[in-house]
Protein backbone atom coordinates (compact mmCIF):
# COMPACT_ATOMS: atom_id res chain seq x y z
CA MET A 1 -0.04 -0.11 -0.07
CA GLU A 2 1.27 3.87 -1.22
CA PRO A 3 1.39 5.84 1.75
CA GLN A 4 -0.76 8.62 1.57
CA PHE A 5 0.83 11.52 3.27
CA GLY A 6 -2.04 13.97 5.39
CA LEU A 7 -0.84 17.07 3.54
CA VAL A 8 -3.32 19.38 4.28
CA SER A 9 -2.70 18.81 8.42
CA SER A 10 0.76 19.07 7.31
CA TRP A 11 0.67 22.46 5.40
CA ARG A 12 -1.35 23.89 8.23
CA ALA A 13 1.14 22.93 11.06
CA MET A 14 2.95 24.64 9.08
CA ASN A 15 1.00 27.14 8.41
CA PRO A 16 -0.88 28.02 11.43
CA GLU A 17 -2.44 31.96 10.61
CA THR A 18 -3.73 30.12 7.33
CA ASP A 19 -7.36 29.41 7.24
CA ALA A 20 -6.20 25.52 6.37
CA PRO A 21 -9.03 23.22 7.78
CA SER A 22 -8.39 22.25 11.01
CA SER A 23 -6.82 19.21 12.97
CA PRO A 24 -7.31 17.67 16.22
CA ILE A 25 -4.25 15.70 15.98
CA VAL A 26 -2.09 18.92 14.68
CA ASP A 27 -4.20 21.42 17.12
CA GLN A 28 -2.53 18.97 20.06
CA LEU A 29 1.16 18.08 18.57
CA GLN A 30 0.80 22.22 18.53
CA GLU A 31 0.20 21.91 21.69
CA ILE A 32 2.13 19.85 22.76
CA HIS A 33 5.37 21.35 20.42
CA GLY A 34 4.70 24.92 22.06
CA ARG A 35 4.57 23.15 25.48
CA TYR A 36 8.10 21.71 25.11
CA VAL A 37 9.68 24.35 22.44
CA GLY A 38 11.09 26.01 25.09
CA PHE A 39 13.36 23.49 27.48
CA ARG A 40 17.08 23.37 27.07
CA GLU A 41 18.06 21.08 29.24
CA GLY A 42 20.26 18.45 28.04
CA ARG A 43 23.09 17.96 25.61
CA VAL A 44 23.61 16.94 21.76
CA ALA A 45 24.52 13.22 21.60
CA THR A 46 28.31 13.20 20.48
CA TYR A 47 28.48 9.55 20.09
CA ILE A 48 27.47 9.13 16.57
CA PRO A 49 28.97 12.29 14.34
CA GLU A 50 26.47 12.69 12.01
CA LEU A 51 24.66 13.82 15.57
CA ALA A 52 27.02 15.77 17.29
CA LYS A 53 25.96 18.40 14.19
CA ALA A 54 22.29 18.71 15.23
CA ASN A 55 21.56 22.47 16.26
CA PRO A 56 20.23 21.74 19.49
CA ASP A 57 17.13 24.10 18.66
CA TRP A 58 15.65 22.20 16.58
CA PHE A 59 12.93 20.81 18.31
CA GLY A 60 10.14 19.37 15.87
CA ILE A 61 6.81 16.56 15.52
CA CYS A 62 5.89 13.71 13.17
CA LEU A 63 3.32 11.79 13.77
CA VAL A 64 2.85 8.81 10.93
CA THR A 65 -0.44 6.63 10.85
CA THR A 66 -0.73 2.92 10.16
CA SER A 67 -2.43 4.33 7.15
CA GLY A 68 0.24 6.61 6.14
CA HIS A 69 -0.37 10.15 7.28
CA VAL A 70 2.09 12.25 7.96
CA TYR A 71 1.24 15.01 10.44
CA GLU A 72 4.20 17.31 11.85
CA VAL A 73 4.62 20.10 13.88
CA GLY A 74 7.48 22.88 14.12
CA ASP A 75 11.64 21.96 12.45
CA SER A 76 10.33 18.26 11.68
CA SER A 77 11.39 18.16 7.44
CA GLY A 78 14.65 20.30 7.83
CA TRP A 79 17.80 18.03 8.79
CA ALA A 80 17.92 14.70 6.74
CA GLY A 81 20.27 12.45 9.95
CA PRO A 82 20.23 9.98 11.94
CA ASN A 83 15.95 9.01 11.91
CA ARG A 84 14.61 6.82 14.59
CA ALA A 85 10.99 5.96 15.50
CA PHE A 86 10.16 5.85 18.94
């Protein structure tokens, strides 16, 4: 099955000032992002050289459903470093 990206939801997350249709998932992700975007504890991991290049100010959330819809807020699609699902 080919993934179907939630383009309206992703687009709205990246452009919250627009009048795009609301999504409860994106609204929740934006609330979580807003709550933790200022969190500055910890350090960038340096035990993997590529991770050491990460900007500590980057913070994004990306949620992909089992049906392939993609919802993202913040800095979730700019860096192509190591990726790992949690």
